[in-house]
Structures are given as structure tokens and as C-alpha cells.
Amino acid sequence: MIGTIDPSEAPHSRILHRIMLLFIRRYLALAGLLFWLGGFTFYAAVVVPIGQEVLGSHFEQGMITRQVTQYLNWSAALALLPLAWDGAAAHDPSSRRRLARWLSWAGMLLSLGVLVWLHPRLDALLDVDQRRILERQAFRASHRWYLWLSTIQWACGLIYLGLSLLTWRAEDRAGAKASFREPTCQARLRKPTKN
């Protein structure tokens, strides 16, 4: 009959549902981190030096970067959502690792907040139309803070990634042990007795 589930298949349906949720949760967390941190790393390591070389000016490259950083901040904000879901839903047996993951997540969130706050203040120190810095010392100091905060945020992201891999491994191992203890698994593994 359509729309009904055989009661003997219900446990398998719940297990499949949990596996799919686990897959989606981890996939979104990993995709968010890869998009954000991968984009950040590639931009900082490849695009900025090439842009400076091609444009012949740090300032001209900075005019591009000031716009790109808006997108990097948005991608960080979007990546933090599935990371929070993963942090809350993961069944990590290590309380220290859970704490370290939440601290690294909080580090990403706090640094993002300061970066978003600092960005318009940096823009206010620029005259975009005249292509000049209005207050060079203030800009330099604020820009230095922006770079350090970006680096701290990036490091927190890498720490979170490493801790996530360890958490997922521990979670999978604990899940495998628990599923092996279920009566249905043990019944299938038992050898038939001879009469």
C-alpha cells in the first residue's frame, strides 16, 4: 500500500534519515569552509600579488580588495551557519574538543563582527574618486588591524576544520560501536545453531 511503512522497516528508515542528515550537515559545513577559506586563501596568496604586479600599485590593488572583502565577509557569515549547526548537532565524546570547536567558532564570529565594523571606517579614510588616502597614518593603523583580524579569523577557521575532522571521526567510531550493539545487527551476525 502506498504511504505506509512496514513496522519491520521503520528502524531502517530512521537510520537512513539520520545518515542523510549527518551527510547534509557535514557537507554544508565542509562546503562553507572550503568556499570561504579557500577563496580567502587563494585571493590573499595569488590574486593580490598578481594584481599588484599587473596594476603596478598596491593602492590600485587595494581598490579592488576593498570591494572583494565585502564578499569575503558575507561568505564568512554564511559559512558560520552550517558550522554552528554542526557544532551543536555533533556527538563528540571529547568535551575538550567540543569546547575548542566552539571557541574557534566564536573566534571566527567575533573577528567577523570587528571586520564588518572596521570596513566602513577604512573606506571613510579613502577618497575613491581622487584615488588617494585621506589620513595615511590612521589608514595604515586600521588596515594593519584589519589584516591581523583577517589572519586570526582564517586561523580559527583552519583550527575549526581540523577539530571537525577529528570530531567526525570520533562520532563515526562511536556510532559504529552503538549500531553494532543493536539487536538487529547482532542477530544477523550470529551463526545459525544446528539442531
C-alpha atoms as a PDB file:
ATOM      1  CA  MET A   1       0.000   0.000   0.000  1.00  0.00           C
ATOM      2  CA  ILE A   2       1.328   3.450  -0.900  1.00  0.00           C
ATOM      3  CA  GLY A   3       2.157   5.749   2.002  1.00  0.00           C
ATOM      4  CA  THR A   4       2.567   3.086   4.648  1.00  0.00           C
ATOM      5  CA  ILE A   5       5.753   1.741   6.158  1.00  0.00           C
ATOM      6  CA  ASP A   6       6.137  -1.824   7.225  1.00  0.00           C
ATOM      7  CA  PRO A   7       6.895  -1.693  11.002  1.00  0.00           C
ATOM      8  CA  SER A   8       9.838  -4.026  10.471  1.00  0.00           C
ATOM      9  CA  GLU A   9      11.387  -1.426   8.115  1.00  0.00           C
ATOM     10  CA  ALA A  10      10.813   1.572  10.429  1.00  0.00           C
ATOM     11  CA  PRO A  11      14.161   1.290  12.276  1.00  0.00           C
ATOM     12  CA  HIS A  12      15.986   1.142   8.929  1.00  0.00           C
ATOM     13  CA  SER A  13      14.077   4.215   7.761  1.00  0.00           C
ATOM     14  CA  ARG A  14      15.122   6.161  10.891  1.00  0.00           C
ATOM     15  CA  ILE A  15      18.734   5.068  10.443  1.00  0.00           C
ATOM     16  CA  LEU A  16      18.693   6.177   6.797  1.00  0.00           C
ATOM     17  CA  HIS A  17      17.172   9.516   7.840  1.00  0.00           C
ATOM     18  CA  ARG A  18      19.933  10.041  10.454  1.00  0.00           C
ATOM     19  CA  ILE A  19      22.620   9.122   7.936  1.00  0.00           C
ATOM     20  CA  MET A  20      21.252  11.597   5.372  1.00  0.00           C
ATOM     21  CA  LEU A  21      21.035  14.392   7.967  1.00  0.00           C
ATOM     22  CA  LEU A  22      24.589  13.630   9.071  1.00  0.00           C
ATOM     23  CA  PHE A  23      25.768  13.733   5.445  1.00  0.00           C
ATOM     24  CA  ILE A  24      23.953  17.019   4.707  1.00  0.00           C
ATOM     25  CA  ARG A  25      25.213  18.641   7.919  1.00  0.00           C
ATOM     26  CA  ARG A  26      28.833  17.701   7.252  1.00  0.00           C
ATOM     27  CA  TYR A  27      28.602  18.502   3.545  1.00  0.00           C
ATOM     28  CA  LEU A  28      27.282  22.026   4.219  1.00  0.00           C
ATOM     29  CA  ALA A  29      29.890  22.637   6.930  1.00  0.00           C
ATOM     30  CA  LEU A  30      32.708  21.495   4.657  1.00  0.00           C
ATOM     31  CA  ALA A  31      31.359  23.325   1.592  1.00  0.00           C
ATOM     32  CA  GLY A  32      31.024  26.546   3.603  1.00  0.00           C
ATOM     33  CA  LEU A  33      34.548  26.301   4.947  1.00  0.00           C
ATOM     34  CA  LEU A  34      36.020  25.405   1.552  1.00  0.00           C
ATOM     35  CA  PHE A  35      34.236  28.243  -0.239  1.00  0.00           C
ATOM     36  CA  TRP A  36      35.123  30.851   2.358  1.00  0.00           C
ATOM     37  CA  LEU A  37      38.601  29.798   3.500  1.00  0.00           C
ATOM     38  CA  GLY A  38      39.580  28.542   0.056  1.00  0.00           C
ATOM     39  CA  GLY A  39      38.504  31.808  -1.530  1.00  0.00           C
ATOM     40  CA  PHE A  40      40.222  33.850   1.160  1.00  0.00           C
ATOM     41  CA  THR A  41      43.462  31.869   0.858  1.00  0.00           C
ATOM     42  CA  PHE A  42      43.518  31.948  -2.944  1.00  0.00           C
ATOM     43  CA  TYR A  43      42.752  35.656  -3.052  1.00  0.00           C
ATOM     44  CA  ALA A  44      45.406  36.564  -0.482  1.00  0.00           C
ATOM     45  CA  ALA A  45      48.105  34.227  -1.804  1.00  0.00           C
ATOM     46  CA  VAL A  46      47.571  34.508  -5.570  1.00  0.00           C
ATOM     47  CA  VAL A  47      45.254  37.307  -6.684  1.00  0.00           C
ATOM     48  CA  VAL A  48      46.625  40.147  -4.524  1.00  0.00           C
ATOM     49  CA  PRO A  49      50.309  39.672  -5.532  1.00  0.00           C
ATOM     50  CA  ILE A  50      49.402  39.253  -9.212  1.00  0.00           C
ATOM     51  CA  GLY A  51      47.086  42.285  -9.053  1.00  0.00           C
ATOM     52  CA  GLN A  52      49.834  44.394  -7.534  1.00  0.00           C
ATOM     53  CA  GLU A  53      52.239  43.290 -10.251  1.00  0.00           C
ATOM     54  CA  VAL A  54      49.811  43.825 -13.144  1.00  0.00           C
ATOM     55  CA  LEU A  55      48.378  47.101 -11.862  1.00  0.00           C
ATOM     56  CA  GLY A  56      51.795  48.301 -10.709  1.00  0.00           C
ATOM     57  CA  SER A  57      50.388  49.666  -7.471  1.00  0.00           C
ATOM     58  CA  HIS A  58      49.416  48.466  -4.019  1.00  0.00           C
ATOM     59  CA  PHE A  59      46.832  51.230  -3.900  1.00  0.00           C
ATOM     60  CA  GLU A  60      45.123  50.174  -7.143  1.00  0.00           C
ATOM     61  CA  GLN A  61      45.025  46.571  -5.953  1.00  0.00           C
ATOM     62  CA  GLY A  62      43.591  47.871  -2.674  1.00  0.00           C
ATOM     63  CA  MET A  63      40.727  49.499  -4.592  1.00  0.00           C
ATOM     64  CA  ILE A  64      39.770  46.032  -5.833  1.00  0.00           C
ATOM     65  CA  THR A  65      40.357  44.372  -2.467  1.00  0.00           C
ATOM     66  CA  ARG A  66      38.106  46.833  -0.636  1.00  0.00           C
ATOM     67  CA  GLN A  67      35.209  45.504  -2.705  1.00  0.00           C
ATOM     68  CA  VAL A  68      36.241  41.842  -2.572  1.00  0.00           C
ATOM     69  CA  THR A  69      36.449  41.897   1.228  1.00  0.00           C
ATOM     70  CA  GLN A  70      32.719  42.659   1.373  1.00  0.00           C
ATOM     71  CA  TYR A  71      32.084  39.331  -0.374  1.00  0.00           C
ATOM     72  CA  LEU A  72      34.607  37.552   1.816  1.00  0.00           C
ATOM     73  CA  ASN A  73      32.789  38.840   4.900  1.00  0.00           C
ATOM     74  CA  TRP A  74      29.436  37.676   3.510  1.00  0.00           C
ATOM     75  CA  SER A  75      30.872  34.242   2.705  1.00  0.00           C
ATOM     76  CA  ALA A  76      32.233  34.019   6.255  1.00  0.00           C
ATOM     77  CA  ALA A  77      28.827  34.894   7.702  1.00  0.00           C
ATOM     78  CA  LEU A  78      27.131  32.266   5.538  1.00  0.00           C
ATOM     79  CA  ALA A  79      29.762  29.632   6.376  1.00  0.00           C
ATOM     80  CA  LEU A  80      29.264  30.185  10.106  1.00  0.00           C
ATOM     81  CA  LEU A  81      25.640  28.985   9.922  1.00  0.00           C
ATOM     82  CA  PRO A  82      26.287  25.335   8.953  1.00  0.00           C
ATOM     83  CA  LEU A  83      29.342  25.338  11.222  1.00  0.00           C
ATOM     84  CA  ALA A  84      27.110  26.264  14.163  1.00  0.00           C
ATOM     85  CA  TRP A  85      24.653  23.523  13.176  1.00  0.00           C
ATOM     86  CA  ASP A  86      27.473  21.014  13.004  1.00  0.00           C
ATOM     87  CA  GLY A  87      28.904  22.156  16.320  1.00  0.00           C
ATOM     88  CA  ALA A  88      25.537  21.848  18.034  1.00  0.00           C
ATOM     89  CA  ALA A  89      24.491  18.549  16.440  1.00  0.00           C
ATOM     90  CA  ALA A  90      27.767  16.608  16.531  1.00  0.00           C
ATOM     91  CA  HIS A  91      28.068  13.925  19.196  1.00  0.00           C
ATOM     92  CA  ASP A  92      31.720  14.354  20.079  1.00  0.00           C
ATOM     93  CA  PRO A  93      32.742  12.262  23.094  1.00  0.00           C
ATOM     94  CA  SER A  94      35.549  14.735  23.908  1.00  0.00           C
ATOM     95  CA  SER A  95      34.328  17.723  25.939  1.00  0.00           C
ATOM     96  CA  ARG A  96      37.667  19.487  25.384  1.00  0.00           C
ATOM     97  CA  ARG A  97      37.370  19.184  21.630  1.00  0.00           C
ATOM     98  CA  ARG A  98      33.741  20.393  21.756  1.00  0.00           C
ATOM     99  CA  LEU A  99      34.880  23.424  23.752  1.00  0.00           C
ATOM    100  CA  ALA A 100      37.790  24.071  21.375  1.00  0.00           C
ATOM    101  CA  ARG A 101      35.443  23.903  18.368  1.00  0.00           C
ATOM    102  CA  TRP A 102      33.038  26.400  19.941  1.00  0.00           C
ATOM    103  CA  LEU A 103      35.909  28.699  20.906  1.00  0.00           C
ATOM    104  CA  SER A 104      37.273  28.637  17.347  1.00  0.00           C
ATOM    105  CA  TRP A 105      33.737  29.268  16.020  1.00  0.00           C
ATOM    106  CA  ALA A 106      33.356  32.173  18.456  1.00  0.00           C
ATOM    107  CA  GLY A 107      36.751  33.493  17.297  1.00  0.00           C
ATOM    108  CA  MET A 108      35.522  33.452  13.689  1.00  0.00           C
ATOM    109  CA  LEU A 109      32.272  35.188  14.634  1.00  0.00           C
ATOM    110  CA  LEU A 110      33.886  37.871  16.825  1.00  0.00           C
ATOM    111  CA  SER A 111      36.595  38.658  14.291  1.00  0.00           C
ATOM    112  CA  LEU A 112      33.929  38.851  11.567  1.00  0.00           C
ATOM    113  CA  GLY A 113      31.972  41.340  13.656  1.00  0.00           C
ATOM    114  CA  VAL A 114      35.018  43.551  14.126  1.00  0.00           C
ATOM    115  CA  LEU A 115      35.954  43.269  10.425  1.00  0.00           C
ATOM    116  CA  VAL A 116      32.452  44.309   9.375  1.00  0.00           C
ATOM    117  CA  TRP A 117      32.621  47.226  11.832  1.00  0.00           C
ATOM    118  CA  LEU A 118      36.115  48.255  10.689  1.00  0.00           C
ATOM    119  CA  HIS A 119      35.495  48.086   6.922  1.00  0.00           C
ATOM    120  CA  PRO A 120      33.452  51.317   6.550  1.00  0.00           C
ATOM    121  CA  ARG A 121      35.918  53.122   8.810  1.00  0.00           C
ATOM    122  CA  LEU A 122      38.716  52.202   6.419  1.00  0.00           C
ATOM    123  CA  ASP A 123      36.590  53.317   3.468  1.00  0.00           C
ATOM    124  CA  ALA A 124      35.987  56.669   5.160  1.00  0.00           C
ATOM    125  CA  LEU A 125      39.749  57.257   5.123  1.00  0.00           C
ATOM    126  CA  LEU A 126      39.838  56.941   1.319  1.00  0.00           C
ATOM    127  CA  ASP A 127      38.898  59.341  -1.437  1.00  0.00           C
ATOM    128  CA  VAL A 128      37.950  56.801  -4.085  1.00  0.00           C
ATOM    129  CA  ASP A 129      37.247  59.372  -6.831  1.00  0.00           C
ATOM    130  CA  GLN A 130      40.621  61.099  -6.383  1.00  0.00           C
ATOM    131  CA  ARG A 131      42.367  57.743  -5.772  1.00  0.00           C
ATOM    132  CA  ARG A 132      44.065  58.857  -2.566  1.00  0.00           C
ATOM    133  CA  ILE A 133      44.276  58.119   1.153  1.00  0.00           C
ATOM    134  CA  LEU A 134      42.921  60.997   3.233  1.00  0.00           C
ATOM    135  CA  GLU A 135      44.683  60.199   6.519  1.00  0.00           C
ATOM    136  CA  ARG A 136      47.649  57.963   5.818  1.00  0.00           C
ATOM    137  CA  GLN A 137      48.637  57.140   9.429  1.00  0.00           C
ATOM    138  CA  ALA A 138      45.091  56.388  10.559  1.00  0.00           C
ATOM    139  CA  PHE A 139      44.520  54.269   7.451  1.00  0.00           C
ATOM    140  CA  ARG A 140      47.739  52.339   7.956  1.00  0.00           C
ATOM    141  CA  ALA A 141      46.949  51.552  11.591  1.00  0.00           C
ATOM    142  CA  SER A 142      43.354  50.493  10.825  1.00  0.00           C
ATOM    143  CA  HIS A 143      44.442  48.495   7.794  1.00  0.00           C
ATOM    144  CA  ARG A 144      47.032  46.687   9.875  1.00  0.00           C
ATOM    145  CA  TRP A 145      44.287  45.758  12.384  1.00  0.00           C
ATOM    146  CA  TYR A 146      42.108  44.561   9.513  1.00  0.00           C
ATOM    147  CA  LEU A 147      44.872  42.305   8.202  1.00  0.00           C
ATOM    148  CA  TRP A 148      45.635  40.861  11.653  1.00  0.00           C
ATOM    149  CA  LEU A 149      41.960  40.196  12.381  1.00  0.00           C
ATOM    150  CA  SER A 150      41.558  38.537   8.982  1.00  0.00           C
ATOM    151  CA  THR A 151      44.535  36.315   9.751  1.00  0.00           C
ATOM    152  CA  ILE A 152      43.148  35.407  13.184  1.00  0.00           C
ATOM    153  CA  GLN A 153      39.776  34.602  11.622  1.00  0.00           C
ATOM    154  CA  TRP A 154      41.475  32.450   8.964  1.00  0.00           C
ATOM    155  CA  ALA A 155      43.485  30.593  11.649  1.00  0.00           C
ATOM    156  CA  CYS A 156      40.304  29.984  13.693  1.00  0.00           C
ATOM    157  CA  GLY A 157      38.718  28.548  10.543  1.00  0.00           C
ATOM    158  CA  LEU A 158      41.626  26.175   9.990  1.00  0.00           C
ATOM    159  CA  ILE A 159      41.530  25.118  13.636  1.00  0.00           C
ATOM    160  CA  TYR A 160      37.787  24.512  13.364  1.00  0.00           C
ATOM    161  CA  LEU A 161      38.346  22.426  10.225  1.00  0.00           C
ATOM    162  CA  GLY A 162      40.961  20.226  11.908  1.00  0.00           C
ATOM    163  CA  LEU A 163      38.825  19.784  15.015  1.00  0.00           C
ATOM    164  CA  SER A 164      35.810  18.956  12.834  1.00  0.00           C
ATOM    165  CA  LEU A 165      37.691  16.152  11.116  1.00  0.00           C
ATOM    166  CA  LEU A 166      38.664  14.711  14.500  1.00  0.00           C
ATOM    167  CA  THR A 167      35.107  15.136  15.793  1.00  0.00           C
ATOM    168  CA  TRP A 168      33.588  13.418  12.773  1.00  0.00           C
ATOM    169  CA  ARG A 169      35.989  10.508  13.109  1.00  0.00           C
ATOM    170  CA  ALA A 170      35.142  10.109  16.801  1.00  0.00           C
ATOM    171  CA  GLU A 171      31.435  10.476  16.068  1.00  0.00           C
ATOM    172  CA  ASP A 172      31.604   7.799  13.354  1.00  0.00           C
ATOM    173  CA  ARG A 173      33.506   5.418  15.604  1.00  0.00           C
ATOM    174  CA  ALA A 174      31.023   5.901  18.452  1.00  0.00           C
ATOM    175  CA  GLY A 175      28.131   5.416  16.030  1.00  0.00           C
ATOM    176  CA  ALA A 176      29.638   2.263  14.594  1.00  0.00           C
ATOM    177  CA  LYS A 177      30.055   0.782  18.081  1.00  0.00           C
ATOM    178  CA  ALA A 178      26.477   1.707  19.006  1.00  0.00           C
ATOM    179  CA  SER A 179      24.985   0.265  15.824  1.00  0.00           C
ATOM    180  CA  PHE A 180      26.939  -2.965  16.295  1.00  0.00           C
ATOM    181  CA  ARG A 181      25.315  -3.334  19.723  1.00  0.00           C
ATOM    182  CA  GLU A 182      21.787  -3.086  18.291  1.00  0.00           C
ATOM    183  CA  PRO A 183      19.938  -6.425  18.445  1.00  0.00           C
ATOM    184  CA  THR A 184      19.201  -6.450  14.695  1.00  0.00           C
ATOM    185  CA  CYS A 185      22.910  -6.282  13.873  1.00  0.00           C
ATOM    186  CA  GLN A 186      23.835  -8.949  16.380  1.00  0.00           C
ATOM    187  CA  ALA A 187      21.092 -11.230  15.149  1.00  0.00           C
ATOM    188  CA  ARG A 188      22.398 -11.011  11.593  1.00  0.00           C
ATOM    189  CA  LEU A 189      25.946 -11.734  12.707  1.00  0.00           C
ATOM    190  CA  ARG A 190      25.062 -14.747  14.868  1.00  0.00           C
ATOM    191  CA  LYS A 191      25.765 -18.079  13.299  1.00  0.00           C
ATOM    192  CA  PRO A 192      22.769 -20.313  12.976  1.00  0.00           C
ATOM    193  CA  THR A 193      22.705 -23.101  15.528  1.00  0.00           C
ATOM    194  CA  LYS A 194      22.437 -26.707  14.442  1.00  0.00           C
ATOM    195  CA  ASN A 195      19.661 -28.822  15.856  1.00  0.00           C
END
